[in-house]
């Protein structure tokens, strides 16, 4: 089975959830990423997410204590 090719500058919400789940110790669901987007996480004009911009937003939110 071939690995899915991903562009870290343009990830779907499902791709972001899978990537974060594989990289971390806790599972991340698409619903969790959707909630972050609803809370203000940055997205590209087409609704995809840039991994670096999303990570920076998460760090900023953690620093704010949210």
Protein backbone atom coordinates (compact mmCIF):
# COMPACT_ATOMS: atom_id res chain seq x y z
CA UNK A 1 0.00 0.00 0.00
CA UNK A 2 1.49 3.34 -1.07
CA UNK A 3 1.87 6.11 1.49
CA UNK A 4 -0.35 9.13 1.02
CA UNK A 5 1.58 12.11 -0.31
CA UNK A 6 0.91 15.20 1.76
CA UNK A 7 1.81 18.85 1.35
CA UNK A 8 2.47 20.40 4.80
CA UNK A 9 1.44 23.78 3.39
CA UNK A 10 -2.00 22.52 2.39
CA UNK A 11 -3.42 19.74 4.57
CA UNK A 12 -7.07 18.77 4.80
CA UNK A 13 -8.52 18.65 8.29
CA UNK A 14 -8.50 14.84 8.17
CA UNK A 15 -4.85 14.78 7.03
CA UNK A 16 -3.91 17.16 9.87
CA UNK A 17 -5.67 14.96 12.43
CA UNK A 18 -3.92 11.82 11.14
CA UNK A 19 -0.53 13.54 11.07
CA UNK A 20 -0.87 14.86 14.62
CA UNK A 21 -2.12 11.50 15.87
CA UNK A 22 0.88 9.71 14.38
CA UNK A 23 3.34 12.29 15.73
CA UNK A 24 1.99 12.48 19.26
CA UNK A 25 0.94 10.22 22.09
CA UNK A 26 -2.73 11.22 22.13
CA UNK A 27 -5.17 10.66 19.28
CA UNK A 28 -6.35 13.76 17.40
CA UNK A 29 -9.68 13.61 15.60
CA UNK A 30 -10.94 15.59 12.66
CA UNK A 31 -13.58 17.02 15.01
CA UNK A 32 -10.81 18.35 17.27
CA UNK A 33 -9.14 20.11 14.33
CA UNK A 34 -12.54 21.44 13.21
CA UNK A 35 -13.09 22.86 16.71
CA UNK A 36 -9.72 24.62 16.53
CA UNK A 37 -10.64 26.13 13.17
CA UNK A 38 -13.96 27.31 14.63
CA UNK A 39 -11.97 28.85 17.52
CA UNK A 40 -9.79 30.81 15.10
CA UNK A 41 -7.03 28.49 13.88
CA UNK A 42 -5.75 29.85 10.55
CA UNK A 43 -6.74 28.20 7.31
CA UNK A 44 -5.81 28.71 3.70
CA UNK A 45 -8.42 30.32 1.40
CA UNK A 46 -9.43 26.84 0.18
CA UNK A 47 -10.04 25.56 3.73
CA UNK A 48 -6.84 23.54 4.05
CA UNK A 49 -4.35 24.10 6.86
CA UNK A 50 -0.67 25.01 6.80
CA UNK A 51 1.10 22.81 9.36
CA UNK A 52 3.51 25.54 10.53
CA UNK A 53 0.80 28.20 10.86
CA UNK A 54 -1.43 25.78 12.77
CA UNK A 55 1.40 24.77 15.10
CA UNK A 56 2.19 28.43 15.79
CA UNK A 57 -1.47 29.09 16.56
CA UNK A 58 -1.59 26.12 18.94
CA UNK A 59 1.50 27.37 20.79
CA UNK A 60 -0.03 30.84 21.06
CA UNK A 61 -3.25 29.39 22.43
CA UNK A 62 -1.36 27.25 24.95
CA UNK A 63 0.57 30.34 26.12
CA UNK A 64 -2.77 32.11 26.66
CA UNK A 65 -3.91 29.19 28.79
CA UNK A 66 -6.76 28.08 26.57
